[in-house]
Amino acid sequence: MSVRIRLTRVGRKKSPAYRVVVADSHMKRDGRFIEILGHYQPVGAETKTQINDERALYWLKVGAQPSDTAKSVLRKAGVLKKFHEARKPAPKNS
């Protein structure tokens, strides 16, 4: 099963809001998902983003691949920076 981190649309007509979810890549966009990681609301006076960093890092570490849009949202939230810093090997002092 290949797992993706992607957006699921919720909200009213002409006023989109999205959930950042972990789902099987074969499921529909608004179909069944494994876990909700956060929310993203692009429309309004300011863009609102709320992501559970701990769970997002867990899913990235076990191999979940973010979609292009989800990657952008995770980058703005600072999750990808934490993920890359955790993967970076410690410098050798020799």
Protein backbone atom coordinates (compact mmCIF):
# COMPACT_ATOMS: atom_id res chain seq x y z
CA MET A 1 0.00 0.00 0.00
CA SER A 2 1.53 3.31 -1.01
CA VAL A 3 0.62 6.09 1.37
CA ARG A 4 0.32 9.76 0.40
CA ILE A 5 -0.07 12.95 2.38
CA ARG A 6 -2.59 15.04 0.47
CA LEU A 7 -5.44 17.53 0.73
CA THR A 8 -9.14 16.69 1.03
CA ARG A 9 -11.62 19.44 0.21
CA VAL A 10 -14.18 20.48 2.81
CA GLY A 11 -16.09 23.71 3.25
CA ARG A 12 -18.81 25.52 1.33
CA LYS A 13 -19.15 26.27 -2.34
CA LYS A 14 -16.82 29.15 -3.38
CA SER A 15 -15.18 29.01 0.06
CA PRO A 16 -12.78 26.07 0.05
CA ALA A 17 -11.07 24.68 3.10
CA TYR A 18 -8.89 21.60 3.12
CA ARG A 19 -7.85 18.86 5.51
CA VAL A 20 -4.31 17.57 5.30
CA VAL A 21 -4.75 13.80 5.47
CA VAL A 22 -2.78 10.59 5.14
CA ALA A 23 -4.49 8.28 2.65
CA ASP A 24 -3.86 5.30 0.42
CA SER A 25 -2.87 6.62 -3.00
CA HIS A 26 -5.60 4.56 -4.70
CA MET A 27 -8.47 6.19 -2.77
CA LYS A 28 -10.55 9.06 -4.16
CA ARG A 29 -9.65 12.67 -3.30
CA ASP A 30 -12.46 12.99 -0.77
CA GLY A 31 -12.61 9.28 0.00
CA ARG A 32 -11.43 7.18 2.88
CA PHE A 33 -8.28 8.29 4.73
CA ILE A 34 -6.06 6.95 7.49
CA GLU A 35 -5.48 10.04 9.65
CA ILE A 36 -6.11 13.80 9.68
CA LEU A 37 -2.87 15.76 10.15
CA GLY A 38 -4.28 19.28 10.08
CA HIS A 39 -6.25 21.97 8.30
CA TYR A 40 -5.48 24.49 5.55
CA GLN A 41 -7.71 27.45 4.68
CA PRO A 42 -6.34 29.44 1.70
CA VAL A 43 -9.24 31.89 1.21
CA GLY A 44 -9.82 34.86 3.49
CA ALA A 45 -7.99 37.82 4.91
CA GLU A 46 -5.03 35.59 5.72
CA THR A 47 -4.14 31.98 4.99
CA LYS A 48 -4.66 29.73 8.01
CA THR A 49 -2.62 26.57 8.45
CA GLN A 50 -2.70 24.18 11.39
CA ILE A 51 -0.59 20.99 11.20
CA ASN A 52 0.19 18.39 13.86
CA ASP A 53 3.99 18.41 13.44
CA GLU A 54 4.62 15.26 15.45
CA ARG A 55 2.26 13.07 13.40
CA ALA A 56 3.34 14.60 10.09
CA LEU A 57 7.00 13.85 10.90
CA TYR A 58 6.06 10.29 11.85
CA TRP A 59 4.33 9.67 8.51
CA LEU A 60 7.20 11.23 6.55
CA LYS A 61 9.70 9.01 8.41
CA VAL A 62 7.77 5.82 7.60
CA GLY A 63 7.73 6.73 3.90
CA ALA A 64 4.53 8.64 3.13
CA GLN A 65 5.00 10.82 0.04
CA PRO A 66 3.36 14.27 0.07
CA SER A 67 1.56 15.54 -3.01
CA ASP A 68 2.88 18.76 -4.57
CA THR A 69 0.31 20.96 -2.83
CA ALA A 70 0.66 19.14 0.49
CA LYS A 71 4.45 19.54 0.24
CA SER A 72 3.96 23.30 -0.18
CA VAL A 73 1.68 23.46 2.88
CA LEU A 74 4.11 21.39 4.97
CA ARG A 75 6.98 23.63 3.87
CA LYS A 76 5.10 26.77 4.95
CA ALA A 77 4.30 25.15 8.30
CA GLY A 78 7.99 24.28 8.84
CA VAL A 79 7.48 20.52 8.97
CA LEU A 80 9.74 19.69 6.02
CA LYS A 81 12.59 21.69 7.54
CA LYS A 82 12.33 19.65 10.76
CA PHE A 83 12.19 16.45 8.70
CA HIS A 84 15.34 17.29 6.73
CA GLU A 85 17.21 18.36 9.88
CA ALA A 86 16.33 15.08 11.55
CA ARG A 87 17.66 13.13 8.53
CA LYS A 88 20.91 15.10 8.30
CA PRO A 89 23.83 13.13 9.80
CA ALA A 90 25.76 14.73 12.65
CA PRO A 91 29.06 16.38 11.61
CA LYS A 92 32.20 14.38 12.42
CA ASN A 93 34.80 16.03 14.64
CA SER A 94 38.02 14.30 13.63
